[in-house]
All heavy atoms as atom14 arrays in JSON, in Angstrom:
{
  "sequence": "ANLEPKANDFRIFWDNAYVIHHLFEDHDTLLNLMAECKKTGK",
  "atom14_mask": [
    [1, 1, 1, 1, 1, 0, 0, 0, 0, 0, 0, 0, 0, 0],
    [1, 1, 1, 1, 1, 1, 1, 1, 0, 0, 0, 0, 0, 0],
    [1, 1, 1, 1, 1, 1, 1, 1, 0, 0, 0, 0, 0, 0],
    [1, 1, 1, 1, 1, 1, 1, 1, 1, 0, 0, 0, 0, 0],
    [1, 1, 1, 1, 1, 1, 1, 0, 0, 0, 0, 0, 0, 0],
    [1, 1, 1, 1, 1, 1, 1, 1, 1, 0, 0, 0, 0, 0],
    [1, 1, 1, 1, 1, 0, 0, 0, 0, 0, 0, 0, 0, 0],
    [1, 1, 1, 1, 1, 1, 1, 1, 0, 0, 0, 0, 0, 0],
    [1, 1, 1, 1, 1, 1, 1, 1, 0, 0, 0, 0, 0, 0],
    [1, 1, 1, 1, 1, 1, 1, 1, 1, 1, 1, 0, 0, 0],
    [1, 1, 1, 1, 1, 1, 1, 1, 1, 1, 1, 0, 0, 0],
    [1, 1, 1, 1, 1, 1, 1, 1, 0, 0, 0, 0, 0, 0],
    [1, 1, 1, 1, 1, 1, 1, 1, 1, 1, 1, 0, 0, 0],
    [1, 1, 1, 1, 1, 1, 1, 1, 1, 1, 1, 1, 1, 1],
    [1, 1, 1, 1, 1, 1, 1, 1, 0, 0, 0, 0, 0, 0],
    [1, 1, 1, 1, 1, 1, 1, 1, 0, 0, 0, 0, 0, 0],
    [1, 1, 1, 1, 1, 0, 0, 0, 0, 0, 0, 0, 0, 0],
    [1, 1, 1, 1, 1, 1, 1, 1, 1, 1, 1, 1, 0, 0],
    [1, 1, 1, 1, 1, 1, 1, 0, 0, 0, 0, 0, 0, 0],
    [1, 1, 1, 1, 1, 1, 1, 1, 0, 0, 0, 0, 0, 0],
    [1, 1, 1, 1, 1, 1, 1, 1, 1, 1, 0, 0, 0, 0],
    [1, 1, 1, 1, 1, 1, 1, 1, 1, 1, 0, 0, 0, 0],
    [1, 1, 1, 1, 1, 1, 1, 1, 0, 0, 0, 0, 0, 0],
    [1, 1, 1, 1, 1, 1, 1, 1, 1, 1, 1, 0, 0, 0],
    [1, 1, 1, 1, 1, 1, 1, 1, 1, 0, 0, 0, 0, 0],
    [1, 1, 1, 1, 1, 1, 1, 1, 0, 0, 0, 0, 0, 0],
    [1, 1, 1, 1, 1, 1, 1, 1, 1, 1, 0, 0, 0, 0],
    [1, 1, 1, 1, 1, 1, 1, 1, 0, 0, 0, 0, 0, 0],
    [1, 1, 1, 1, 1, 1, 1, 0, 0, 0, 0, 0, 0, 0],
    [1, 1, 1, 1, 1, 1, 1, 1, 0, 0, 0, 0, 0, 0],
    [1, 1, 1, 1, 1, 1, 1, 1, 0, 0, 0, 0, 0, 0],
    [1, 1, 1, 1, 1, 1, 1, 1, 0, 0, 0, 0, 0, 0],
    [1, 1, 1, 1, 1, 1, 1, 1, 0, 0, 0, 0, 0, 0],
    [1, 1, 1, 1, 1, 1, 1, 1, 0, 0, 0, 0, 0, 0],
    [1, 1, 1, 1, 1, 0, 0, 0, 0, 0, 0, 0, 0, 0],
    [1, 1, 1, 1, 1, 1, 1, 1, 1, 0, 0, 0, 0, 0],
    [1, 1, 1, 1, 1, 1, 0, 0, 0, 0, 0, 0, 0, 0],
    [1, 1, 1, 1, 1, 1, 1, 1, 1, 0, 0, 0, 0, 0],
    [1, 1, 1, 1, 1, 1, 1, 1, 1, 0, 0, 0, 0, 0],
    [1, 1, 1, 1, 1, 1, 1, 0, 0, 0, 0, 0, 0, 0],
    [1, 1, 1, 1, 0, 0, 0, 0, 0, 0, 0, 0, 0, 0],
    [1, 1, 1, 1, 1, 1, 1, 1, 1, 0, 0, 0, 0, 0]
  ],
  "atom14_positions": [
    [[0.14, -5.51, -4.98], [1.6, -5.92, -5.12], [1.84, -6.89, -6.19], [3.01, -7.1, -6.66], [2.0, -6.53, -3.73], [0.0, 0.0, 0.0], [0.0, 0.0, 0.0], [0.0, 0.0, 0.0], [0.0, 0.0, 0.0], [0.0, 0.0, 0.0], [0.0, 0.0, 0.0], [0.0, 0.0, 0.0], [0.0, 0.0, 0.0], [0.0, 0.0, 0.0]],
    [[0.8, -7.58, -6.71], [0.96, -8.61, -7.67], [0.53, -8.11, -9.07], [0.42, -8.9, -10.09], [0.21, -9.84, -7.28], [0.92, -10.72, -6.27], [1.84, -11.45, -6.62], [0.59, -10.6, -5.02], [0.0, 0.0, 0.0], [0.0, 0.0, 0.0], [0.0, 0.0, 0.0], [0.0, 0.0, 0.0], [0.0, 0.0, 0.0], [0.0, 0.0, 0.0]],
    [[0.29, -6.83, -9.2], [-0.03, -6.27, -10.55], [1.13, -6.58, -11.5], [2.32, -6.61, -11.14], [-0.27, -4.73, -10.45], [-1.65, -4.29, -9.84], [-1.56, -2.82, -9.58], [-2.78, -4.79, -10.63], [0.0, 0.0, 0.0], [0.0, 0.0, 0.0], [0.0, 0.0, 0.0], [0.0, 0.0, 0.0], [0.0, 0.0, 0.0], [0.0, 0.0, 0.0]],
    [[0.76, -6.71, -12.76], [1.77, -6.99, -13.93], [1.55, -5.88, -14.96], [0.94, -5.98, -16.01], [1.55, -8.33, -14.46], [1.76, -9.47, -13.55], [3.27, -9.73, -13.23], [4.02, -9.08, -13.97], [3.5, -10.52, -12.43], [0.0, 0.0, 0.0], [0.0, 0.0, 0.0], [0.0, 0.0, 0.0], [0.0, 0.0, 0.0], [0.0, 0.0, 0.0]],
    [[1.99, -4.59, -14.64], [1.71, -3.52, -15.43], [2.18, -3.7, -16.9], [3.29, -4.07, -17.11], [2.41, -2.33, -14.81], [2.63, -2.74, -13.39], [2.79, -4.24, -13.44], [0.0, 0.0, 0.0], [0.0, 0.0, 0.0], [0.0, 0.0, 0.0], [0.0, 0.0, 0.0], [0.0, 0.0, 0.0], [0.0, 0.0, 0.0], [0.0, 0.0, 0.0]],
    [[1.34, -3.33, -17.85], [1.69, -3.33, -19.21], [2.73, -2.15, -19.48], [3.66, -2.35, -20.34], [0.49, -3.07, -20.07], [0.8, -3.3, -21.61], [0.92, -4.68, -22.01], [0.89, -4.95, -23.45], [1.2, -6.4, -23.89], [0.0, 0.0, 0.0], [0.0, 0.0, 0.0], [0.0, 0.0, 0.0], [0.0, 0.0, 0.0], [0.0, 0.0, 0.0]],
    [[2.55, -1.11, -18.73], [3.48, 0.04, -18.81], [4.64, -0.22, -17.68], [4.38, -0.24, -16.5], [2.77, 1.43, -18.56], [0.0, 0.0, 0.0], [0.0, 0.0, 0.0], [0.0, 0.0, 0.0], [0.0, 0.0, 0.0], [0.0, 0.0, 0.0], [0.0, 0.0, 0.0], [0.0, 0.0, 0.0], [0.0, 0.0, 0.0], [0.0, 0.0, 0.0]],
    [[5.87, -0.1, -18.16], [6.96, -0.32, -17.15], [7.21, 0.99, -16.26], [7.88, 0.94, -15.33], [8.3, -0.64, -17.91], [8.92, 0.55, -18.67], [8.24, 1.55, -18.91], [10.14, 0.56, -19.08], [0.0, 0.0, 0.0], [0.0, 0.0, 0.0], [0.0, 0.0, 0.0], [0.0, 0.0, 0.0], [0.0, 0.0, 0.0], [0.0, 0.0, 0.0]],
    [[6.44, 2.04, -16.6], [6.53, 3.21, -15.77], [5.25, 3.48, -15.04], [4.92, 4.62, -14.63], [6.95, 4.44, -16.58], [6.12, 4.63, -17.89], [5.15, 3.77, -18.13], [6.31, 5.63, -18.61], [0.0, 0.0, 0.0], [0.0, 0.0, 0.0], [0.0, 0.0, 0.0], [0.0, 0.0, 0.0], [0.0, 0.0, 0.0], [0.0, 0.0, 0.0]],
    [[4.42, 2.47, -14.75], [3.19, 2.55, -14.01], [3.57, 2.74, -12.45], [4.57, 2.12, -11.92], [2.42, 1.35, -14.1], [1.21, 1.18, -13.18], [0.06, 1.93, -13.49], [1.27, 0.45, -12.0], [-0.96, 1.79, -12.63], [0.31, 0.39, -11.11], [-0.88, 1.01, -11.36], [0.0, 0.0, 0.0], [0.0, 0.0, 0.0], [0.0, 0.0, 0.0]],
    [[2.85, 3.61, -11.88], [3.01, 3.91, -10.41], [1.76, 3.93, -9.62], [0.7, 4.51, -10.15], [3.77, 5.28, -10.23], [5.17, 5.35, -10.73], [6.05, 4.44, -9.99], [7.58, 4.53, -10.3], [8.07, 3.71, -11.13], [7.41, 2.79, -11.82], [9.36, 3.85, -11.44], [0.0, 0.0, 0.0], [0.0, 0.0, 0.0], [0.0, 0.0, 0.0]],
    [[1.79, 3.36, -8.48], [0.7, 3.48, -7.51], [0.87, 4.64, -6.6], [1.98, 4.73, -5.93], [0.59, 2.27, -6.62], [0.43, 0.96, -7.45], [-0.58, 2.41, -5.62], [0.57, -0.37, -6.74], [0.0, 0.0, 0.0], [0.0, 0.0, 0.0], [0.0, 0.0, 0.0], [0.0, 0.0, 0.0], [0.0, 0.0, 0.0], [0.0, 0.0, 0.0]],
    [[0.04, 5.64, -6.67], [0.09, 6.87, -5.79], [-0.6, 6.6, -4.56], [-1.91, 6.75, -4.41], [-0.37, 8.1, -6.5], [0.51, 8.69, -7.49], [0.81, 7.97, -8.72], [1.17, 9.89, -7.27], [1.67, 8.45, -9.63], [2.06, 10.32, -8.26], [2.34, 9.64, -9.41], [0.0, 0.0, 0.0], [0.0, 0.0, 0.0], [0.0, 0.0, 0.0]],
    [[0.06, 6.11, -3.5], [-0.53, 5.6, -2.22], [-0.5, 6.8, -1.19], [0.35, 6.93, -0.47], [0.43, 4.47, -1.77], [-0.14, 3.48, -0.82], [0.21, 3.29, 0.5], [-1.07, 2.43, -1.07], [-0.37, 2.21, 1.09], [-1.17, 1.64, 0.16], [-1.76, 2.02, -2.16], [-2.0, 0.52, 0.3], [-2.58, 0.92, -2.06], [-2.69, 0.12, -0.96]],
    [[-1.63, 7.46, -1.29], [-1.82, 8.76, -0.43], [-2.29, 8.21, 1.02], [-3.45, 8.19, 1.27], [-2.83, 9.6, -1.03], [-3.0, 10.95, -0.2], [-2.3, 11.15, 0.72], [-3.81, 11.73, -0.66], [0.0, 0.0, 0.0], [0.0, 0.0, 0.0], [0.0, 0.0, 0.0], [0.0, 0.0, 0.0], [0.0, 0.0, 0.0], [0.0, 0.0, 0.0]],
    [[-1.34, 7.92, 1.83], [-1.5, 7.47, 3.16], [-1.85, 8.51, 4.13], [-1.29, 8.56, 5.29], [-0.39, 6.5, 3.66], [-0.81, 5.31, 4.39], [-1.93, 5.17, 4.85], [0.08, 4.38, 4.42], [0.0, 0.0, 0.0], [0.0, 0.0, 0.0], [0.0, 0.0, 0.0], [0.0, 0.0, 0.0], [0.0, 0.0, 0.0], [0.0, 0.0, 0.0]],
    [[-2.8, 9.41, 3.82], [-3.02, 10.66, 4.63], [-3.54, 10.4, 6.05], [-3.31, 11.13, 6.92], [-4.05, 11.52, 3.88], [0.0, 0.0, 0.0], [0.0, 0.0, 0.0], [0.0, 0.0, 0.0], [0.0, 0.0, 0.0], [0.0, 0.0, 0.0], [0.0, 0.0, 0.0], [0.0, 0.0, 0.0], [0.0, 0.0, 0.0], [0.0, 0.0, 0.0]],
    [[-4.27, 9.24, 6.17], [-4.95, 8.97, 7.54], [-4.39, 7.71, 8.25], [-5.13, 7.07, 8.98], [-6.47, 8.88, 7.21], [-6.99, 10.1, 6.53], [-7.42, 9.97, 5.14], [-7.03, 11.32, 7.09], [-7.9, 11.14, 4.54], [-7.37, 12.42, 6.43], [-7.92, 12.36, 5.18], [-8.37, 13.37, 4.47], [0.0, 0.0, 0.0], [0.0, 0.0, 0.0]],
    [[-3.2, 7.43, 7.93], [-2.54, 6.15, 8.47], [-2.67, 6.12, 10.0], [-2.68, 4.95, 10.56], [-1.04, 5.96, 7.92], [-0.22, 7.28, 8.37], [-0.49, 4.71, 8.41], [0.0, 0.0, 0.0], [0.0, 0.0, 0.0], [0.0, 0.0, 0.0], [0.0, 0.0, 0.0], [0.0, 0.0, 0.0], [0.0, 0.0, 0.0], [0.0, 0.0, 0.0]],
    [[-2.6, 7.25, 10.69], [-2.69, 7.15, 12.2], [-3.83, 7.97, 12.59], [-3.86, 8.35, 13.74], [-1.4, 7.61, 12.87], [-0.87, 8.97, 12.28], [-0.35, 6.57, 12.61], [0.33, 9.57, 12.97], [0.0, 0.0, 0.0], [0.0, 0.0, 0.0], [0.0, 0.0, 0.0], [0.0, 0.0, 0.0], [0.0, 0.0, 0.0], [0.0, 0.0, 0.0]],
    [[-4.88, 8.27, 11.7], [-5.97, 9.15, 12.22], [-7.17, 8.18, 12.63], [-8.2, 8.19, 11.97], [-6.44, 9.99, 10.98], [-5.44, 11.1, 10.7], [-4.19, 11.06, 10.21], [-5.6, 12.44, 10.91], [-3.69, 12.15, 10.1], [-4.49, 13.1, 10.47], [0.0, 0.0, 0.0], [0.0, 0.0, 0.0], [0.0, 0.0, 0.0], [0.0, 0.0, 0.0]],
    [[-6.88, 7.53, 13.72], [-7.85, 6.59, 14.29], [-8.83, 7.37, 15.14], [-8.44, 8.31, 15.91], [-7.28, 5.48, 14.95], [-6.16, 4.77, 14.3], [-6.39, 4.15, 13.01], [-4.83, 4.62, 14.6], [-5.29, 3.69, 12.71], [-4.31, 3.92, 13.55], [0.0, 0.0, 0.0], [0.0, 0.0, 0.0], [0.0, 0.0, 0.0], [0.0, 0.0, 0.0]],
    [[-10.12, 6.97, 15.25], [-11.03, 7.52, 16.04], [-11.28, 6.78, 17.42], [-11.68, 7.28, 18.44], [-12.45, 7.73, 15.37], [-12.53, 8.73, 14.26], [-13.87, 8.59, 13.61], [-12.3, 10.06, 14.85], [0.0, 0.0, 0.0], [0.0, 0.0, 0.0], [0.0, 0.0, 0.0], [0.0, 0.0, 0.0], [0.0, 0.0, 0.0], [0.0, 0.0, 0.0]],
    [[-10.97, 5.46, 17.3], [-11.23, 4.6, 18.46], [-10.06, 3.68, 18.68], [-9.18, 3.51, 17.84], [-12.51, 3.69, 18.11], [-13.69, 4.46, 17.59], [-14.05, 4.47, 16.29], [-14.37, 5.38, 18.53], [-15.15, 5.24, 15.82], [-15.41, 6.07, 18.07], [-15.84, 5.99, 16.71], [0.0, 0.0, 0.0], [0.0, 0.0, 0.0], [0.0, 0.0, 0.0]],
    [[-10.0, 3.04, 19.87], [-8.99, 2.07, 20.16], [-9.13, 0.82, 19.2], [-8.09, 0.23, 18.81], [-9.1, 1.53, 21.61], [-8.68, 2.69, 22.63], [-7.16, 2.92, 22.54], [-6.38, 2.07, 22.14], [-6.76, 4.14, 22.86], [0.0, 0.0, 0.0], [0.0, 0.0, 0.0], [0.0, 0.0, 0.0], [0.0, 0.0, 0.0], [0.0, 0.0, 0.0]],
    [[-10.3, 0.45, 18.96], [-10.53, -0.59, 17.96], [-10.62, -0.07, 16.59], [-11.62, 0.17, 15.96], [-12.0, -1.28, 18.29], [-12.35, -2.32, 17.28], [-11.44, -2.93, 16.69], [-13.57, -2.51, 17.12], [0.0, 0.0, 0.0], [0.0, 0.0, 0.0], [0.0, 0.0, 0.0], [0.0, 0.0, 0.0], [0.0, 0.0, 0.0], [0.0, 0.0, 0.0]],
    [[-9.39, 0.1, 16.03], [-9.28, 0.75, 14.78], [-8.89, -0.12, 13.7], [-8.47, -1.35, 13.87], [-8.29, 1.89, 14.83], [-6.89, 1.54, 15.26], [-5.96, 0.81, 14.48], [-6.2, 1.77, 16.5], [-4.94, 0.64, 15.12], [-4.96, 1.05, 16.29], [0.0, 0.0, 0.0], [0.0, 0.0, 0.0], [0.0, 0.0, 0.0], [0.0, 0.0, 0.0]],
    [[-8.99, 0.38, 12.39], [-8.56, -0.45, 11.29], [-7.04, -0.54, 11.2], [-6.38, 0.28, 11.77], [-9.12, 0.09, 10.04], [-10.61, 0.15, 9.82], [-11.26, -0.55, 10.67], [-11.09, 0.8, 8.91], [0.0, 0.0, 0.0], [0.0, 0.0, 0.0], [0.0, 0.0, 0.0], [0.0, 0.0, 0.0], [0.0, 0.0, 0.0], [0.0, 0.0, 0.0]],
    [[-6.6, -1.63, 10.51], [-5.15, -1.81, 10.22], [-5.05, -2.01, 8.73], [-5.88, -2.51, 8.03], [-4.56, -2.96, 11.03], [-5.23, -4.18, 10.67], [-4.64, -2.74, 12.45], [0.0, 0.0, 0.0], [0.0, 0.0, 0.0], [0.0, 0.0, 0.0], [0.0, 0.0, 0.0], [0.0, 0.0, 0.0], [0.0, 0.0, 0.0], [0.0, 0.0, 0.0]],
    [[-3.83, -1.54, 8.18], [-3.54, -1.6, 6.86], [-2.35, -2.46, 6.58], [-1.26, -2.16, 7.15], [-3.39, -0.22, 6.18], [-3.06, -0.07, 4.73], [-4.3, -0.53, 3.88], [-2.66, 1.25, 4.41], [0.0, 0.0, 0.0], [0.0, 0.0, 0.0], [0.0, 0.0, 0.0], [0.0, 0.0, 0.0], [0.0, 0.0, 0.0], [0.0, 0.0, 0.0]],
    [[-2.42, -3.38, 5.62], [-1.25, -4.18, 5.31], [-0.22, -3.3, 4.64], [-0.61, -2.43, 3.85], [-1.66, -5.31, 4.42], [-0.65, -6.47, 4.06], [-0.29, -7.22, 5.33], [-1.17, -7.46, 3.01], [0.0, 0.0, 0.0], [0.0, 0.0, 0.0], [0.0, 0.0, 0.0], [0.0, 0.0, 0.0], [0.0, 0.0, 0.0], [0.0, 0.0, 0.0]],
    [[1.03, -3.59, 4.89], [2.16, -2.7, 4.35], [2.43, -3.09, 2.83], [2.85, -4.09, 2.55], [3.37, -3.09, 5.2], [4.57, -2.11, 4.73], [4.65, -1.61, 3.66], [5.49, -1.95, 5.67], [0.0, 0.0, 0.0], [0.0, 0.0, 0.0], [0.0, 0.0, 0.0], [0.0, 0.0, 0.0], [0.0, 0.0, 0.0], [0.0, 0.0, 0.0]],
    [[1.99, -2.12, 1.96], [2.12, -2.37, 0.59], [3.56, -2.57, 0.17], [3.91, -3.32, -0.72], [1.44, -1.25, -0.29], [1.6, -1.33, -1.74], [0.95, -2.59, -2.33], [1.07, -0.09, -2.45], [0.0, 0.0, 0.0], [0.0, 0.0, 0.0], [0.0, 0.0, 0.0], [0.0, 0.0, 0.0], [0.0, 0.0, 0.0], [0.0, 0.0, 0.0]],
    [[4.41, -1.62, 0.64], [5.84, -1.71, 0.27], [6.47, -3.11, 0.6], [7.18, -3.72, -0.2], [6.58, -0.65, 0.97], [8.11, -0.58, 0.61], [8.44, -0.43, -1.22], [8.36, 1.33, -1.42], [0.0, 0.0, 0.0], [0.0, 0.0, 0.0], [0.0, 0.0, 0.0], [0.0, 0.0, 0.0], [0.0, 0.0, 0.0], [0.0, 0.0, 0.0]],
    [[6.13, -3.64, 1.73], [6.64, -4.89, 2.15], [6.13, -5.99, 1.29], [6.85, -6.94, 0.92], [6.23, -5.22, 3.66], [0.0, 0.0, 0.0], [0.0, 0.0, 0.0], [0.0, 0.0, 0.0], [0.0, 0.0, 0.0], [0.0, 0.0, 0.0], [0.0, 0.0, 0.0], [0.0, 0.0, 0.0], [0.0, 0.0, 0.0], [0.0, 0.0, 0.0]],
    [[4.85, -5.89, 0.91], [4.25, -6.78, -0.09], [4.9, -6.73, -1.44], [5.07, -7.75, -2.1], [2.73, -6.69, -0.15], [1.97, -7.05, 1.14], [2.25, -8.49, 1.56], [2.13, -9.4, 0.81], [2.55, -8.65, 2.79], [0.0, 0.0, 0.0], [0.0, 0.0, 0.0], [0.0, 0.0, 0.0], [0.0, 0.0, 0.0], [0.0, 0.0, 0.0]],
    [[5.2, -5.49, -1.85], [5.82, -5.29, -3.16], [7.21, -5.85, -3.26], [7.76, -6.3, -4.31], [5.77, -3.84, -3.57], [4.19, -3.26, -4.1], [0.0, 0.0, 0.0], [0.0, 0.0, 0.0], [0.0, 0.0, 0.0], [0.0, 0.0, 0.0], [0.0, 0.0, 0.0], [0.0, 0.0, 0.0], [0.0, 0.0, 0.0], [0.0, 0.0, 0.0]],
    [[7.86, -5.74, -2.16], [9.25, -6.25, -2.04], [9.26, -7.79, -2.23], [10.14, -8.4, -2.77], [9.98, -5.97, -0.79], [10.39, -4.48, -0.72], [11.04, -4.1, 0.67], [11.43, -2.6, 0.63], [11.93, -2.23, 2.06], [0.0, 0.0, 0.0], [0.0, 0.0, 0.0], [0.0, 0.0, 0.0], [0.0, 0.0, 0.0], [0.0, 0.0, 0.0]],
    [[8.15, -8.46, -1.78], [8.03, -9.94, -1.91], [7.85, -10.27, -3.43], [8.34, -11.36, -3.83], [6.8, -10.41, -1.17], [6.9, -10.36, 0.46], [5.57, -10.77, 1.03], [5.65, -10.65, 2.51], [4.29, -10.97, 3.16], [0.0, 0.0, 0.0], [0.0, 0.0, 0.0], [0.0, 0.0, 0.0], [0.0, 0.0, 0.0], [0.0, 0.0, 0.0]],
    [[7.23, -9.38, -4.16], [7.04, -9.73, -5.58], [8.02, -8.96, -6.53], [7.92, -9.13, -7.71], [5.61, -9.2, -6.0], [5.51, -7.75, -5.78], [4.5, -9.97, -5.1], [0.0, 0.0, 0.0], [0.0, 0.0, 0.0], [0.0, 0.0, 0.0], [0.0, 0.0, 0.0], [0.0, 0.0, 0.0], [0.0, 0.0, 0.0], [0.0, 0.0, 0.0]],
    [[9.06, -8.32, -5.87], [9.95, -7.63, -6.69], [9.45, -6.38, -7.38], [10.0, -5.9, -8.46], [0.0, 0.0, 0.0], [0.0, 0.0, 0.0], [0.0, 0.0, 0.0], [0.0, 0.0, 0.0], [0.0, 0.0, 0.0], [0.0, 0.0, 0.0], [0.0, 0.0, 0.0], [0.0, 0.0, 0.0], [0.0, 0.0, 0.0], [0.0, 0.0, 0.0]],
    [[8.39, -5.71, -6.8], [7.69, -4.63, -7.45], [7.84, -3.31, -6.58], [7.05, -2.47, -6.8], [6.18, -4.93, -7.69], [5.93, -6.2, -8.41], [6.01, -6.17, -9.89], [5.67, -7.49, -10.57], [4.43, -8.03, -10.24], [0.0, 0.0, 0.0], [0.0, 0.0, 0.0], [0.0, 0.0, 0.0], [0.0, 0.0, 0.0], [0.0, 0.0, 0.0]]
  ]
}
């Protein structure tokens, strides 16, 4: 979220294919990139 791209048309391709593909109750969590980018205006 804090990247400072040299190219103004740089894009992060965030392939969130497995966002709810958990195997166990004790599963991983992922910080919301869009929310973080809004904080930095990106």
